[in-house]
Structures are given as C-alpha cells and as structure tokens.
Amino acid sequence: MNVNTTSIETLIDTTYDSVEGYRKAGETAKSPELKRILSEQAAKRQKTLDTLNAELTRLGGNLVTKGTATGGLHRLWMDLTDLFANGDKVAVERVEEGEDYLAGKFEEALKATDLDPTTRSVIQTALGEVREGERLTDRLEEQYD
C-alpha cells in the first residue's frame, strides 16, 4: 500500500463514521429543524465519502463500505444517541467536536509531501466540504447555546 491509498482509506473510514453519526443524530434529534439540518448534512457528507471512494478506486483500492470500529470520531458519533436524551444543545456540541476531529484528520493527511497531485486535490476539496460542515456546526452551537 502506498501513502495515497493509506491516506484515502483513513479519511474514508472517518468520513463514513461522520455520515453515520449525522444520520443517527438526525433520527434522534428532538427539534424538527435540527433533524432536517442534520439529515441534509448527512447527505452532503455522503457525497464527500463517494468522492473519496472514487479516488480510492482510481488508485486501485477497494471501496470502503464501513467505518472504523475503534476510531475517536466513531466514539463521539456513537455517544450522540445517548446525548440527545439530554437535549439538542449537548448533541450539537458533540457534532461540532466530531467536525473538528474530522477536519484535523484531513489536515494531517495533507501534510504528506509525497501525495499524488490528483489525490491531494481530492483531499483538499473534501477538506473544504468538511470545513463547511464545521462552520455549520459552529453556527448550530451558537444557536443552541
């Protein structure tokens, strides 16, 4: 495996966890507006995941169809279901933490100096999409504060 494949697979794992987290959060949120926002964000994140999987396929790898079992983001997302029992505010805070974690993973991947130019471009584009999610969750956190 090379740095390109390894980087993309790692990002796919955490992005998959993000998709699942948004889906679960959308299903368990109490506020109809928050449900809608989280469901829309899950769909956007799924598109990011599809783009990353397409790049992995281009590199000769196999599609990743599940997230990590032990990743930090996974644990944050799994906690969301329980957190909604404590209200939407706490859940929004957790979603925001998950976005920060995910952005950090993408930023770390871009530090590799030997990334293929196409792979680097895909990761940069995906990071832009993650940062949009970060800005959204920052606004949600302010709204529910």
N, C-alpha and C. Protein backbone atom coordinates (compact mmCIF):
# COMPACT_ATOMS: atom_id res chain seq x y z
N MET A 1 0.83 -1.18 0.00
CA MET A 1 0.00 0.00 0.00
C MET A 1 0.88 1.24 0.00
N ASN A 2 0.46 2.26 -0.71
CA ASN A 2 1.25 3.49 -0.75
C ASN A 2 0.58 4.59 0.07
N VAL A 3 1.27 5.71 0.20
CA VAL A 3 0.77 6.81 1.02
C VAL A 3 -0.58 7.32 0.52
N ASN A 4 -0.80 7.31 -0.79
CA ASN A 4 -2.06 7.79 -1.34
C ASN A 4 -3.22 6.90 -0.90
N THR A 5 -3.05 5.61 -1.07
CA THR A 5 -4.10 4.66 -0.71
C THR A 5 -4.35 4.68 0.79
N THR A 6 -3.30 4.67 1.56
CA THR A 6 -3.43 4.67 3.02
C THR A 6 -4.14 5.94 3.50
N SER A 7 -3.74 7.08 2.97
CA SER A 7 -4.37 8.34 3.37
C SER A 7 -5.86 8.35 3.03
N ILE A 8 -6.19 7.95 1.83
CA ILE A 8 -7.59 7.96 1.40
C ILE A 8 -8.40 6.98 2.23
N GLU A 9 -7.87 5.79 2.48
CA GLU A 9 -8.61 4.81 3.29
C GLU A 9 -8.89 5.33 4.69
N THR A 10 -7.91 5.97 5.30
CA THR A 10 -8.09 6.54 6.64
C THR A 10 -9.17 7.61 6.62
N LEU A 11 -9.14 8.46 5.62
CA LEU A 11 -10.14 9.52 5.52
C LEU A 11 -11.53 8.95 5.23
N ILE A 12 -11.58 7.91 4.44
CA ILE A 12 -12.87 7.27 4.16
C ILE A 12 -13.45 6.70 5.45
N ASP A 13 -12.64 6.03 6.24
CA ASP A 13 -13.13 5.46 7.50
C ASP A 13 -13.77 6.52 8.38
N THR A 14 -13.06 7.62 8.58
CA THR A 14 -13.59 8.65 9.48
C THR A 14 -14.76 9.40 8.84
N THR A 15 -14.75 9.55 7.53
CA THR A 15 -15.87 10.21 6.86
C THR A 15 -17.11 9.32 6.93
N TYR A 16 -16.92 8.03 6.79
CA TYR A 16 -18.05 7.11 6.94
C TYR A 16 -18.65 7.24 8.33
N ASP A 17 -17.79 7.28 9.36
CA ASP A 17 -18.28 7.47 10.72
C ASP A 17 -19.08 8.76 10.84
N SER A 18 -18.63 9.80 10.15
CA SER A 18 -19.32 11.08 10.17
C SER A 18 -20.71 10.97 9.55
N VAL A 19 -20.80 10.30 8.41
CA VAL A 19 -22.11 10.10 7.75
C VAL A 19 -23.06 9.40 8.71
N GLU A 20 -22.59 8.31 9.29
CA GLU A 20 -23.43 7.54 10.20
C GLU A 20 -23.82 8.37 11.43
N GLY A 21 -22.89 9.15 11.92
CA GLY A 21 -23.19 10.00 13.07
C GLY A 21 -24.27 11.01 12.77
N TYR A 22 -24.17 11.66 11.61
CA TYR A 22 -25.20 12.62 11.23
C TYR A 22 -26.55 11.94 11.04
N ARG A 23 -26.54 10.75 10.46
CA ARG A 23 -27.81 10.02 10.27
C ARG A 23 -28.46 9.70 11.60
N LYS A 24 -27.66 9.17 12.51
CA LYS A 24 -28.19 8.82 13.82
C LYS A 24 -28.66 10.05 14.58
N ALA A 25 -27.87 11.11 14.49
CA ALA A 25 -28.24 12.35 15.17
C ALA A 25 -29.54 12.89 14.58
N GLY A 26 -29.68 12.84 13.27
CA GLY A 26 -30.92 13.30 12.62
C GLY A 26 -32.13 12.49 13.01
N GLU A 27 -31.92 11.21 13.21
CA GLU A 27 -33.03 10.33 13.61
C GLU A 27 -33.46 10.56 15.05
N THR A 28 -32.54 10.96 15.90
CA THR A 28 -32.86 11.07 17.33
C THR A 28 -33.04 12.50 17.83
N ALA A 29 -32.75 13.48 16.99
CA ALA A 29 -32.92 14.88 17.41
C ALA A 29 -34.39 15.14 17.74
N LYS A 30 -34.60 16.04 18.66
CA LYS A 30 -35.96 16.39 19.06
C LYS A 30 -36.53 17.50 18.19
N SER A 31 -35.75 18.48 17.87
CA SER A 31 -36.19 19.63 17.08
C SER A 31 -36.36 19.23 15.61
N PRO A 32 -37.53 19.47 15.02
CA PRO A 32 -37.72 19.16 13.60
C PRO A 32 -36.72 19.89 12.71
N GLU A 33 -36.40 21.12 13.03
CA GLU A 33 -35.44 21.90 12.24
C GLU A 33 -34.04 21.28 12.34
N LEU A 34 -33.65 20.88 13.54
CA LEU A 34 -32.35 20.26 13.71
C LEU A 34 -32.31 18.90 12.99
N LYS A 35 -33.40 18.16 13.04
CA LYS A 35 -33.49 16.89 12.30
C LYS A 35 -33.21 17.13 10.81
N ARG A 36 -33.84 18.14 10.26
CA ARG A 36 -33.68 18.45 8.84
C ARG A 36 -32.24 18.82 8.52
N ILE A 37 -31.67 19.69 9.33
CA ILE A 37 -30.29 20.15 9.10
C ILE A 37 -29.32 18.98 9.17
N LEU A 38 -29.47 18.13 10.16
CA LEU A 38 -28.55 17.01 10.32
C LEU A 38 -28.71 15.99 9.20
N SER A 39 -29.93 15.78 8.75
CA SER A 39 -30.17 14.87 7.62
C SER A 39 -29.55 15.42 6.33
N GLU A 40 -29.69 16.72 6.12
CA GLU A 40 -29.07 17.34 4.94
C GLU A 40 -27.55 17.23 5.02
N GLN A 41 -27.00 17.42 6.22
CA GLN A 41 -25.55 17.32 6.38
C GLN A 41 -25.08 15.89 6.14
N ALA A 42 -25.87 14.91 6.54
CA ALA A 42 -25.51 13.51 6.27
C ALA A 42 -25.44 13.26 4.77
N ALA A 43 -26.37 13.82 4.03
CA ALA A 43 -26.37 13.65 2.57
C ALA A 43 -25.15 14.32 1.94
N LYS A 44 -24.79 15.50 2.42
CA LYS A 44 -23.60 16.19 1.91
C LYS A 44 -22.35 15.39 2.22
N ARG A 45 -22.28 14.87 3.43
CA ARG A 45 -21.10 14.11 3.83
C ARG A 45 -21.01 12.79 3.04
N GLN A 46 -22.17 12.24 2.67
CA GLN A 46 -22.18 11.03 1.84
C GLN A 46 -21.56 11.32 0.48
N LYS A 47 -21.82 12.50 -0.07
CA LYS A 47 -21.20 12.87 -1.34
C LYS A 47 -19.69 12.97 -1.21
N THR A 48 -19.22 13.50 -0.08
CA THR A 48 -17.78 13.56 0.17
C THR A 48 -17.22 12.15 0.24
N LEU A 49 -17.92 11.28 0.93
CA LEU A 49 -17.50 9.88 1.04
C LEU A 49 -17.43 9.22 -0.34
N ASP A 50 -18.43 9.47 -1.17
CA ASP A 50 -18.44 8.90 -2.52
C ASP A 50 -17.25 9.38 -3.34
N THR A 51 -16.90 10.64 -3.20
CA THR A 51 -15.74 11.20 -3.91
C THR A 51 -14.45 10.54 -3.45
N LEU A 52 -14.32 10.36 -2.15
CA LEU A 52 -13.12 9.71 -1.62
C LEU A 52 -13.03 8.25 -2.09
N ASN A 53 -14.16 7.56 -2.09
CA ASN A 53 -14.17 6.17 -2.56
C ASN A 53 -13.83 6.10 -4.05
N ALA A 54 -14.28 7.07 -4.82
CA ALA A 54 -13.94 7.10 -6.25
C ALA A 54 -12.43 7.26 -6.43
N GLU A 55 -11.81 8.09 -5.60
CA GLU A 55 -10.36 8.26 -5.68
C GLU A 55 -9.65 6.97 -5.26
N LEU A 56 -10.15 6.31 -4.25
CA LEU A 56 -9.55 5.05 -3.83
C LEU A 56 -9.62 4.02 -4.96
N THR A 57 -10.75 3.96 -5.64
CA THR A 57 -10.91 3.05 -6.77
C THR A 57 -9.93 3.41 -7.89
N ARG A 58 -9.77 4.71 -8.15
CA ARG A 58 -8.83 5.15 -9.17
C ARG A 58 -7.41 4.69 -8.84
N LEU A 59 -7.10 4.67 -7.55
CA LEU A 59 -5.77 4.25 -7.10
C LEU A 59 -5.62 2.73 -7.08
N GLY A 60 -6.69 2.01 -7.41
CA GLY A 60 -6.62 0.55 -7.43
C GLY A 60 -7.08 -0.12 -6.16
N GLY A 61 -7.62 0.65 -5.22
CA GLY A 61 -8.11 0.09 -3.96
C GLY A 61 -9.55 -0.38 -4.07
N ASN A 62 -10.01 -1.02 -3.03
CA ASN A 62 -11.39 -1.50 -2.96
C ASN A 62 -12.25 -0.50 -2.20
N LEU A 63 -13.50 -0.38 -2.61
CA LEU A 63 -14.43 0.51 -1.93
C LEU A 63 -14.50 0.17 -0.45
N VAL A 64 -14.59 1.19 0.37
CA VAL A 64 -14.76 1.01 1.81
C VAL A 64 -16.24 1.23 2.10
N THR A 65 -16.86 0.24 2.71
CA THR A 65 -18.31 0.32 2.93
C THR A 65 -18.68 0.36 4.40
N LYS A 66 -17.69 0.50 5.28
CA LYS A 66 -17.99 0.65 6.70
C LYS A 66 -16.92 1.51 7.34
N GLY A 67 -17.27 2.10 8.45
CA GLY A 67 -16.33 2.97 9.15
C GLY A 67 -15.44 2.20 10.10
N THR A 68 -14.72 2.93 10.90
CA THR A 68 -13.81 2.32 11.86
C THR A 68 -14.60 1.82 13.06
N ALA A 69 -14.08 0.80 13.68
CA ALA A 69 -14.73 0.27 14.88
C ALA A 69 -14.18 0.93 16.14
N THR A 70 -13.00 1.48 16.04
CA THR A 70 -12.35 1.99 17.25
C THR A 70 -11.92 3.45 17.15
N GLY A 71 -12.21 4.10 16.05
CA GLY A 71 -11.75 5.48 15.86
C GLY A 71 -12.38 6.44 16.86
N GLY A 72 -11.64 7.52 17.14
CA GLY A 72 -12.14 8.53 18.06
C GLY A 72 -13.43 9.17 17.59
N LEU A 73 -13.52 9.46 16.30
CA LEU A 73 -14.74 10.06 15.78
C LEU A 73 -15.90 9.10 15.95
N HIS A 74 -15.66 7.83 15.74
CA HIS A 74 -16.70 6.81 15.90
C HIS A 74 -17.27 6.88 17.31
N ARG A 75 -16.41 6.96 18.29
CA ARG A 75 -16.89 7.01 19.67
C ARG A 75 -17.72 8.27 19.91
N LEU A 76 -17.28 9.39 19.35
CA LEU A 76 -18.08 10.62 19.50
C LEU A 76 -19.46 10.45 18.89
N TRP A 77 -19.50 9.88 17.68
CA TRP A 77 -20.77 9.71 17.00
C TRP A 77 -21.67 8.73 17.74
N MET A 78 -21.11 7.66 18.26
CA MET A 78 -21.92 6.67 18.96
C MET A 78 -22.53 7.25 20.22
N ASP A 79 -21.85 8.19 20.83
CA ASP A 79 -22.36 8.83 22.03
C ASP A 79 -23.54 9.75 21.74
N LEU A 80 -23.72 10.14 20.50
CA LEU A 80 -24.77 11.10 20.17
C LEU A 80 -26.16 10.60 20.53
N THR A 81 -26.44 9.34 20.29
CA THR A 81 -27.77 8.82 20.58
C THR A 81 -28.12 9.05 22.04
N ASP A 82 -27.20 8.74 22.93
CA ASP A 82 -27.44 8.95 24.36
C ASP A 82 -27.53 10.43 24.70
N LEU A 83 -26.75 11.24 24.02
CA LEU A 83 -26.72 12.66 24.34
C LEU A 83 -28.02 13.37 24.00
N PHE A 84 -28.75 12.86 23.00
CA PHE A 84 -30.00 13.53 22.66
C PHE A 84 -31.01 13.43 23.79
N ALA A 85 -30.86 12.45 24.66
CA ALA A 85 -31.73 12.37 25.82
C ALA A 85 -31.53 13.58 26.71
N ASN A 86 -30.35 14.20 26.63
CA ASN A 86 -30.04 15.38 27.42
C ASN A 86 -30.33 16.67 26.67
N GLY A 87 -30.88 16.59 25.49
CA GLY A 87 -31.26 17.76 24.74
C GLY A 87 -30.43 18.00 23.50
N ASP A 88 -30.99 18.77 22.60
CA ASP A 88 -30.34 19.06 21.34
C ASP A 88 -29.04 19.84 21.53
N LYS A 89 -28.98 20.67 22.55
CA LYS A 89 -27.79 21.50 22.77
C LYS A 89 -26.54 20.65 22.95
N VAL A 90 -26.62 19.64 23.80
CA VAL A 90 -25.47 18.79 24.05
C VAL A 90 -25.10 18.02 22.78
N ALA A 91 -26.11 17.57 22.04
CA ALA A 91 -25.84 16.84 20.80
C ALA A 91 -25.14 17.71 19.77
N VAL A 92 -25.57 18.96 19.66
CA VAL A 92 -24.93 19.88 18.71
C VAL A 92 -23.47 20.09 19.10
N GLU A 93 -23.21 20.18 20.39
CA GLU A 93 -21.82 20.33 20.85
C GLU A 93 -20.99 19.13 20.42
N ARG A 94 -21.54 17.92 20.53
CA ARG A 94 -20.82 16.71 20.14
C ARG A 94 -20.60 16.66 18.63
N VAL A 95 -21.61 17.05 17.86
CA VAL A 95 -21.46 17.07 16.40
C VAL A 95 -20.34 18.05 16.03
N GLU A 96 -20.30 19.18 16.71
CA GLU A 96 -19.26 20.17 16.44
C GLU A 96 -17.88 19.60 16.77
N GLU A 97 -17.77 18.87 17.87
CA GLU A 97 -16.50 18.24 18.23
C GLU A 97 -16.09 17.23 17.16
N GLY A 98 -17.05 16.48 16.65
CA GLY A 98 -16.77 15.50 15.60
C GLY A 98 -16.26 16.16 14.33
N GLU A 99 -16.82 17.30 13.99
CA GLU A 99 -16.37 18.04 12.81
C GLU A 99 -14.93 18.51 12.98
N ASP A 100 -14.61 18.99 14.16
CA ASP A 100 -13.24 19.43 14.42
C ASP A 100 -12.26 18.27 14.28
N TYR A 101 -12.64 17.12 14.81
CA TYR A 101 -11.80 15.93 14.72
C TYR A 101 -11.59 15.53 13.26
N LEU A 102 -12.68 15.52 12.50
CA LEU A 102 -12.62 15.13 11.09
C LEU A 102 -11.73 16.08 10.29
N ALA A 103 -11.89 17.37 10.50
CA ALA A 103 -11.06 18.36 9.80
C ALA A 103 -9.59 18.13 10.12
N GLY A 104 -9.29 17.81 11.36
CA GLY A 104 -7.92 17.53 11.75
C GLY A 104 -7.33 16.35 11.00
N LYS A 105 -8.14 15.33 10.77
CA LYS A 105 -7.68 14.16 10.01
C LYS A 105 -7.32 14.55 8.57
N PHE A 106 -8.14 15.38 7.96
CA PHE A 106 -7.86 15.83 6.59
C PHE A 106 -6.62 16.71 6.55
N GLU A 107 -6.49 17.61 7.52
CA GLU A 107 -5.32 18.48 7.57
C GLU A 107 -4.05 17.65 7.75
N GLU A 108 -4.11 16.64 8.58
CA GLU A 108 -2.96 15.76 8.80
C GLU A 108 -2.58 15.03 7.51
N ALA A 109 -3.58 14.55 6.78
CA ALA A 109 -3.31 13.84 5.53
C ALA A 109 -2.60 14.74 4.52
N LEU A 110 -2.95 16.00 4.51
CA LEU A 110 -2.35 16.93 3.55
C LEU A 110 -0.90 17.29 3.89
N LYS A 111 -0.44 16.93 5.07
CA LYS A 111 0.95 17.18 5.44
C LYS A 111 1.91 16.25 4.71
N ALA A 112 1.40 15.14 4.19
CA ALA A 112 2.25 14.20 3.45
C ALA A 112 2.80 14.90 2.21
N THR A 113 4.08 14.84 2.04
CA THR A 113 4.72 15.53 0.91
C THR A 113 4.73 14.69 -0.36
N ASP A 114 4.44 13.40 -0.23
CA ASP A 114 4.52 12.53 -1.40
C ASP A 114 3.16 12.08 -1.93
N LEU A 115 2.13 12.89 -1.70
CA LEU A 115 0.81 12.58 -2.24
C LEU A 115 0.78 12.83 -3.75
N ASP A 116 0.10 11.97 -4.45
CA ASP A 116 -0.16 12.15 -5.88
C ASP A 116 -0.95 13.46 -6.03
N PRO A 117 -0.66 14.26 -7.06
CA PRO A 117 -1.37 15.54 -7.22
C PRO A 117 -2.89 15.39 -7.29
N THR A 118 -3.38 14.36 -7.94
CA THR A 118 -4.82 14.15 -8.02
C THR A 118 -5.39 13.82 -6.64
N THR A 119 -4.70 12.95 -5.92
CA THR A 119 -5.14 12.59 -4.57
C THR A 119 -5.13 13.80 -3.66
N ARG A 120 -4.08 14.61 -3.74
CA ARG A 120 -4.01 15.84 -2.94
C ARG A 120 -5.20 16.75 -3.24
N SER A 121 -5.51 16.89 -4.51
CA SER A 121 -6.64 17.74 -4.90
C SER A 121 -7.96 17.21 -4.35
N VAL A 122 -8.15 15.91 -4.41
CA VAL A 122 -9.38 15.30 -3.87
C VAL A 122 -9.48 15.56 -2.37
N ILE A 123 -8.36 15.38 -1.67
CA ILE A 123 -8.35 15.61 -0.21
C ILE A 123 -8.61 17.08 0.10
N GLN A 124 -8.01 17.99 -0.66
CA GLN A 124 -8.23 19.42 -0.42
C GLN A 124 -9.69 19.79 -0.64
N THR A 125 -10.29 19.25 -1.69
CA THR A 125 -11.71 19.52 -1.96
C THR A 125 -12.58 18.98 -0.83
N ALA A 126 -12.28 17.76 -0.41
CA ALA A 126 -13.05 17.16 0.68
C ALA A 126 -12.88 17.96 1.97
N LEU A 127 -11.67 18.44 2.24
CA LEU A 127 -11.45 19.26 3.43
C LEU A 127 -12.30 20.52 3.35
N GLY A 128 -12.42 21.12 2.18
CA GLY A 128 -13.29 22.29 2.03
C GLY A 128 -14.73 21.96 2.41
N GLU A 129 -15.19 20.79 2.01
CA GLU A 129 -16.55 20.36 2.35
C GLU A 129 -16.68 20.12 3.85
N VAL A 130 -15.65 19.55 4.46
CA VAL A 130 -15.67 19.32 5.90
C VAL A 130 -15.67 20.66 6.64
N ARG A 131 -14.90 21.61 6.14
CA ARG A 131 -14.87 22.93 6.80
C ARG A 131 -16.22 23.62 6.71
N GLU A 132 -16.96 23.40 5.61
CA GLU A 132 -18.33 23.93 5.53
C GLU A 132 -19.17 23.33 6.64
N GLY A 133 -19.01 22.03 6.87
CA GLY A 133 -19.72 21.36 7.96
C GLY A 133 -19.31 21.91 9.32
N GLU A 134 -18.03 22.22 9.45
CA GLU A 134 -17.53 22.82 10.69
C GLU A 134 -18.19 24.17 10.95
N ARG A 135 -18.27 24.98 9.90
CA ARG A 135 -18.91 26.29 10.05
C ARG A 135 -20.38 26.13 10.41
N LEU A 136 -21.04 25.17 9.80
CA LEU A 136 -22.45 24.92 10.11
C LEU A 136 -22.61 24.52 11.58
N THR A 137 -21.79 23.60 12.03
CA THR A 137 -21.93 23.16 13.42
C THR A 137 -21.54 24.24 14.40
N ASP A 138 -20.60 25.12 14.01
CA ASP A 138 -20.29 26.27 14.86
C ASP A 138 -21.52 27.18 15.01
N ARG A 139 -22.21 27.41 13.88
CA ARG A 139 -23.43 28.23 13.95
C ARG A 139 -24.52 27.55 14.77
N LEU A 140 -24.65 26.23 14.61
CA LEU A 140 -25.64 25.49 15.39
C LEU A 140 -25.31 25.58 16.88
N GLU A 141 -24.03 25.46 17.20
CA GLU A 141 -23.63 25.53 18.59
C GLU A 141 -23.98 26.90 19.19
N GLU A 142 -23.76 27.96 18.42
CA GLU A 142 -24.13 29.30 18.89
C GLU A 142 -25.64 29.41 19.07
N GLN A 143 -26.38 28.84 18.14
CA GLN A 143 -27.85 28.89 18.19
C GLN A 143 -28.40 28.15 19.40
N TYR A 144 -27.79 27.01 19.74
CA TYR A 144 -28.30 26.20 20.84
C TYR A 144 -27.62 26.51 22.17
N ASP A 145 -26.74 27.51 22.17
CA ASP A 145 -26.03 27.88 23.40
C ASP A 145 -26.90 28.70 24.31
